[in-house]
Amino acid sequence: MGTGGTLRASTCQEGTLFDTIINVYSGDCDALACVGGNNDDSLCGTQISVGASTFTWVSQPGVVYYIVVFGSRGEVGRFEISVQEA
């Protein structure tokens, strides 16, 4: 849920075991609008050897955001995500 502040969704966690892509959407399920996304955040640090991703956006108060995580090149696996104010 949007706070009116800047939010950051990230798979730059030790539990992420494959190359991820993050997309963030808002709107109704029948008409989702892409807010944006990221593939491979070079700022994740050296503790994550896979291509983890981070996306930061300015949220709107009360808006529900849907975060989709999927694998680059069709990869699948376990991931850990954090969502927090930036």
N, C-alpha and C. Protein backbone atom coordinates (compact mmCIF):
# COMPACT_ATOMS: atom_id res chain seq x y z
N MET A 1 0.86 -1.18 0.00
CA MET A 1 0.00 0.00 0.00
C MET A 1 0.90 1.24 0.00
N GLY A 2 0.58 2.16 -0.88
CA GLY A 2 1.36 3.38 -0.97
C GLY A 2 1.23 4.25 0.26
N THR A 3 2.30 4.92 0.61
CA THR A 3 2.36 5.80 1.78
C THR A 3 2.43 7.28 1.40
N GLY A 4 2.68 7.55 0.13
CA GLY A 4 2.95 8.91 -0.31
C GLY A 4 4.44 9.19 -0.34
N GLY A 5 5.22 8.25 0.19
CA GLY A 5 6.68 8.37 0.21
C GLY A 5 7.31 7.52 -0.89
N THR A 6 8.62 7.52 -0.90
CA THR A 6 9.37 6.72 -1.85
C THR A 6 9.52 5.31 -1.30
N LEU A 7 9.15 4.31 -2.11
CA LEU A 7 9.25 2.91 -1.71
C LEU A 7 10.31 2.21 -2.55
N ARG A 8 10.91 1.19 -1.96
CA ARG A 8 11.92 0.41 -2.66
C ARG A 8 11.62 -1.08 -2.48
N ALA A 9 11.48 -1.79 -3.59
CA ALA A 9 11.33 -3.25 -3.58
C ALA A 9 12.64 -3.83 -4.07
N SER A 10 13.17 -4.83 -3.34
CA SER A 10 14.48 -5.35 -3.69
C SER A 10 14.58 -6.85 -3.41
N THR A 11 15.23 -7.56 -4.33
CA THR A 11 15.58 -8.96 -4.11
C THR A 11 17.05 -9.10 -3.74
N CYS A 12 17.68 -8.00 -3.35
CA CYS A 12 19.09 -8.02 -2.94
C CYS A 12 19.20 -8.59 -1.52
N GLN A 13 18.78 -9.81 -1.37
CA GLN A 13 18.79 -10.49 -0.07
C GLN A 13 19.55 -11.81 -0.22
N GLU A 14 20.09 -12.30 0.86
CA GLU A 14 20.84 -13.56 0.82
C GLU A 14 19.99 -14.74 0.38
N GLY A 15 18.67 -14.66 0.57
CA GLY A 15 17.79 -15.74 0.18
C GLY A 15 17.46 -15.79 -1.30
N THR A 16 17.96 -14.84 -2.08
CA THR A 16 17.71 -14.82 -3.52
C THR A 16 18.75 -15.68 -4.21
N LEU A 17 18.29 -16.72 -4.91
CA LEU A 17 19.21 -17.71 -5.47
C LEU A 17 19.20 -17.78 -7.00
N PHE A 18 18.57 -16.81 -7.65
CA PHE A 18 18.58 -16.79 -9.12
C PHE A 18 18.46 -15.36 -9.62
N ASP A 19 18.69 -15.16 -10.89
CA ASP A 19 18.69 -13.85 -11.54
C ASP A 19 17.25 -13.35 -11.66
N THR A 20 16.89 -12.32 -10.89
CA THR A 20 15.51 -11.84 -10.84
C THR A 20 15.28 -10.57 -11.65
N ILE A 21 14.02 -10.38 -11.97
CA ILE A 21 13.52 -9.13 -12.56
C ILE A 21 12.33 -8.73 -11.70
N ILE A 22 12.22 -7.45 -11.37
CA ILE A 22 11.10 -6.93 -10.59
C ILE A 22 10.28 -5.98 -11.47
N ASN A 23 8.96 -6.15 -11.44
CA ASN A 23 8.04 -5.19 -12.05
C ASN A 23 7.01 -4.80 -10.99
N VAL A 24 6.64 -3.53 -10.96
CA VAL A 24 5.65 -3.02 -10.03
C VAL A 24 4.47 -2.48 -10.83
N TYR A 25 3.26 -2.87 -10.39
CA TYR A 25 2.03 -2.47 -11.07
C TYR A 25 1.07 -1.83 -10.07
N SER A 26 0.14 -1.04 -10.59
CA SER A 26 -0.95 -0.50 -9.79
C SER A 26 -2.22 -0.60 -10.62
N GLY A 27 -3.36 -0.43 -9.97
CA GLY A 27 -4.64 -0.46 -10.68
C GLY A 27 -5.45 -1.69 -10.34
N ASP A 28 -6.56 -1.84 -11.06
CA ASP A 28 -7.42 -3.00 -10.89
C ASP A 28 -6.83 -4.20 -11.61
N CYS A 29 -7.17 -5.38 -11.13
CA CYS A 29 -6.65 -6.62 -11.74
C CYS A 29 -6.97 -6.70 -13.23
N ASP A 30 -8.10 -6.13 -13.65
CA ASP A 30 -8.48 -6.17 -15.06
C ASP A 30 -7.76 -5.14 -15.91
N ALA A 31 -7.11 -4.16 -15.25
CA ALA A 31 -6.44 -3.09 -16.00
C ALA A 31 -5.22 -2.59 -15.23
N LEU A 32 -4.24 -3.46 -15.03
CA LEU A 32 -3.04 -3.06 -14.32
C LEU A 32 -2.18 -2.13 -15.16
N ALA A 33 -1.55 -1.17 -14.51
CA ALA A 33 -0.64 -0.24 -15.17
C ALA A 33 0.75 -0.45 -14.61
N CYS A 34 1.72 -0.60 -15.49
CA CYS A 34 3.10 -0.81 -15.05
C CYS A 34 3.67 0.50 -14.51
N VAL A 35 4.12 0.47 -13.26
CA VAL A 35 4.77 1.63 -12.64
C VAL A 35 6.23 1.66 -13.08
N GLY A 36 6.84 0.49 -13.20
CA GLY A 36 8.22 0.38 -13.64
C GLY A 36 8.85 -0.91 -13.15
N GLY A 37 10.13 -1.06 -13.41
CA GLY A 37 10.81 -2.27 -13.00
C GLY A 37 12.31 -2.18 -13.15
N ASN A 38 12.98 -3.31 -12.82
CA ASN A 38 14.43 -3.35 -12.88
C ASN A 38 14.90 -4.78 -13.12
N ASN A 39 16.00 -4.88 -13.83
CA ASN A 39 16.70 -6.15 -14.02
C ASN A 39 18.17 -5.92 -13.70
N ASP A 40 18.65 -6.55 -12.66
CA ASP A 40 20.06 -6.52 -12.24
C ASP A 40 20.49 -5.16 -11.68
N ASP A 41 20.47 -5.07 -10.37
CA ASP A 41 20.91 -3.88 -9.65
C ASP A 41 22.39 -4.03 -9.31
N SER A 42 23.24 -3.25 -9.94
CA SER A 42 24.68 -3.34 -9.70
C SER A 42 25.06 -2.86 -8.30
N LEU A 43 24.14 -2.20 -7.61
CA LEU A 43 24.43 -1.69 -6.26
C LEU A 43 24.07 -2.68 -5.16
N CYS A 44 23.65 -3.90 -5.53
CA CYS A 44 23.28 -4.88 -4.51
C CYS A 44 24.45 -5.26 -3.61
N GLY A 45 25.64 -5.16 -4.11
CA GLY A 45 26.80 -5.52 -3.31
C GLY A 45 27.33 -6.89 -3.68
N THR A 46 28.46 -7.22 -3.14
CA THR A 46 29.14 -8.45 -3.51
C THR A 46 28.59 -9.68 -2.81
N GLN A 47 27.76 -9.51 -1.77
CA GLN A 47 27.21 -10.68 -1.07
C GLN A 47 26.19 -11.42 -1.92
N ILE A 48 25.68 -10.79 -2.96
CA ILE A 48 24.71 -11.44 -3.84
C ILE A 48 25.40 -11.67 -5.19
N SER A 49 25.64 -12.93 -5.52
CA SER A 49 26.35 -13.22 -6.77
C SER A 49 25.41 -13.34 -7.95
N VAL A 50 24.12 -13.53 -7.70
CA VAL A 50 23.15 -13.61 -8.78
C VAL A 50 22.71 -12.21 -9.18
N GLY A 51 21.98 -12.08 -10.26
CA GLY A 51 21.52 -10.77 -10.72
C GLY A 51 20.27 -10.32 -9.99
N ALA A 52 20.42 -9.90 -8.74
CA ALA A 52 19.28 -9.41 -7.97
C ALA A 52 18.85 -8.04 -8.50
N SER A 53 17.63 -7.64 -8.16
CA SER A 53 17.04 -6.42 -8.74
C SER A 53 16.43 -5.54 -7.66
N THR A 54 16.40 -4.23 -7.94
CA THR A 54 15.79 -3.25 -7.05
C THR A 54 15.03 -2.23 -7.89
N PHE A 55 13.82 -1.86 -7.44
CA PHE A 55 13.08 -0.81 -8.11
C PHE A 55 12.57 0.16 -7.05
N THR A 56 12.77 1.45 -7.27
CA THR A 56 12.36 2.51 -6.35
C THR A 56 11.37 3.41 -7.07
N TRP A 57 10.27 3.76 -6.36
CA TRP A 57 9.25 4.62 -6.96
C TRP A 57 8.61 5.49 -5.89
N VAL A 58 8.02 6.61 -6.33
CA VAL A 58 7.27 7.48 -5.43
C VAL A 58 5.83 6.96 -5.41
N SER A 59 5.40 6.52 -4.24
CA SER A 59 4.07 5.92 -4.12
C SER A 59 3.00 6.98 -3.89
N GLN A 60 1.79 6.60 -4.21
CA GLN A 60 0.63 7.46 -3.95
C GLN A 60 -0.09 6.93 -2.72
N PRO A 61 -0.49 7.79 -1.80
CA PRO A 61 -1.16 7.32 -0.57
C PRO A 61 -2.39 6.47 -0.88
N GLY A 62 -2.48 5.32 -0.23
CA GLY A 62 -3.65 4.46 -0.36
C GLY A 62 -3.71 3.60 -1.60
N VAL A 63 -2.77 3.74 -2.51
CA VAL A 63 -2.77 2.94 -3.74
C VAL A 63 -2.14 1.58 -3.44
N VAL A 64 -2.80 0.52 -3.91
CA VAL A 64 -2.26 -0.82 -3.76
C VAL A 64 -1.30 -1.09 -4.92
N TYR A 65 -0.10 -1.57 -4.59
CA TYR A 65 0.91 -1.91 -5.59
C TYR A 65 1.10 -3.41 -5.61
N TYR A 66 1.23 -3.95 -6.82
CA TYR A 66 1.47 -5.38 -7.02
C TYR A 66 2.90 -5.55 -7.52
N ILE A 67 3.67 -6.35 -6.82
CA ILE A 67 5.07 -6.55 -7.18
C ILE A 67 5.22 -7.96 -7.74
N VAL A 68 5.73 -8.03 -8.96
CA VAL A 68 5.94 -9.31 -9.63
C VAL A 68 7.44 -9.55 -9.74
N VAL A 69 7.86 -10.74 -9.29
CA VAL A 69 9.26 -11.14 -9.40
C VAL A 69 9.29 -12.36 -10.31
N PHE A 70 10.13 -12.31 -11.32
CA PHE A 70 10.28 -13.46 -12.21
C PHE A 70 11.74 -13.57 -12.61
N GLY A 71 12.08 -14.68 -13.24
CA GLY A 71 13.46 -14.95 -13.58
C GLY A 71 13.87 -14.45 -14.94
N SER A 72 15.07 -13.95 -15.00
CA SER A 72 15.66 -13.57 -16.27
C SER A 72 15.94 -14.85 -17.06
N ARG A 73 15.73 -14.80 -18.35
CA ARG A 73 15.96 -15.95 -19.23
C ARG A 73 15.19 -17.19 -18.78
N GLY A 74 14.02 -16.99 -18.15
CA GLY A 74 13.18 -18.10 -17.73
C GLY A 74 13.64 -18.84 -16.49
N GLU A 75 14.64 -18.31 -15.79
CA GLU A 75 15.13 -18.96 -14.57
C GLU A 75 14.02 -18.98 -13.51
N VAL A 76 14.09 -19.96 -12.65
CA VAL A 76 13.18 -20.07 -11.52
C VAL A 76 14.00 -20.43 -10.29
N GLY A 77 13.42 -20.20 -9.13
CA GLY A 77 14.11 -20.53 -7.90
C GLY A 77 13.56 -19.77 -6.72
N ARG A 78 14.27 -19.84 -5.65
CA ARG A 78 13.88 -19.19 -4.41
C ARG A 78 14.38 -17.74 -4.41
N PHE A 79 13.52 -16.84 -3.90
CA PHE A 79 13.95 -15.45 -3.76
C PHE A 79 13.41 -14.89 -2.45
N GLU A 80 14.07 -13.86 -2.00
CA GLU A 80 13.65 -13.11 -0.81
C GLU A 80 13.50 -11.66 -1.24
N ILE A 81 12.40 -11.05 -0.82
CA ILE A 81 12.14 -9.66 -1.23
C ILE A 81 11.93 -8.80 0.01
N SER A 82 12.38 -7.56 -0.09
CA SER A 82 12.08 -6.57 0.95
C SER A 82 11.41 -5.39 0.27
N VAL A 83 10.46 -4.80 0.97
CA VAL A 83 9.80 -3.59 0.50
C VAL A 83 9.83 -2.62 1.68
N GLN A 84 10.42 -1.45 1.46
CA GLN A 84 10.55 -0.48 2.56
C GLN A 84 10.59 0.93 2.01
N GLU A 85 10.44 1.88 2.90
CA GLU A 85 10.57 3.28 2.48
C GLU A 85 12.03 3.57 2.22
N ALA A 86 12.29 4.28 1.14
CA ALA A 86 13.66 4.57 0.75
C ALA A 86 14.14 5.88 1.35
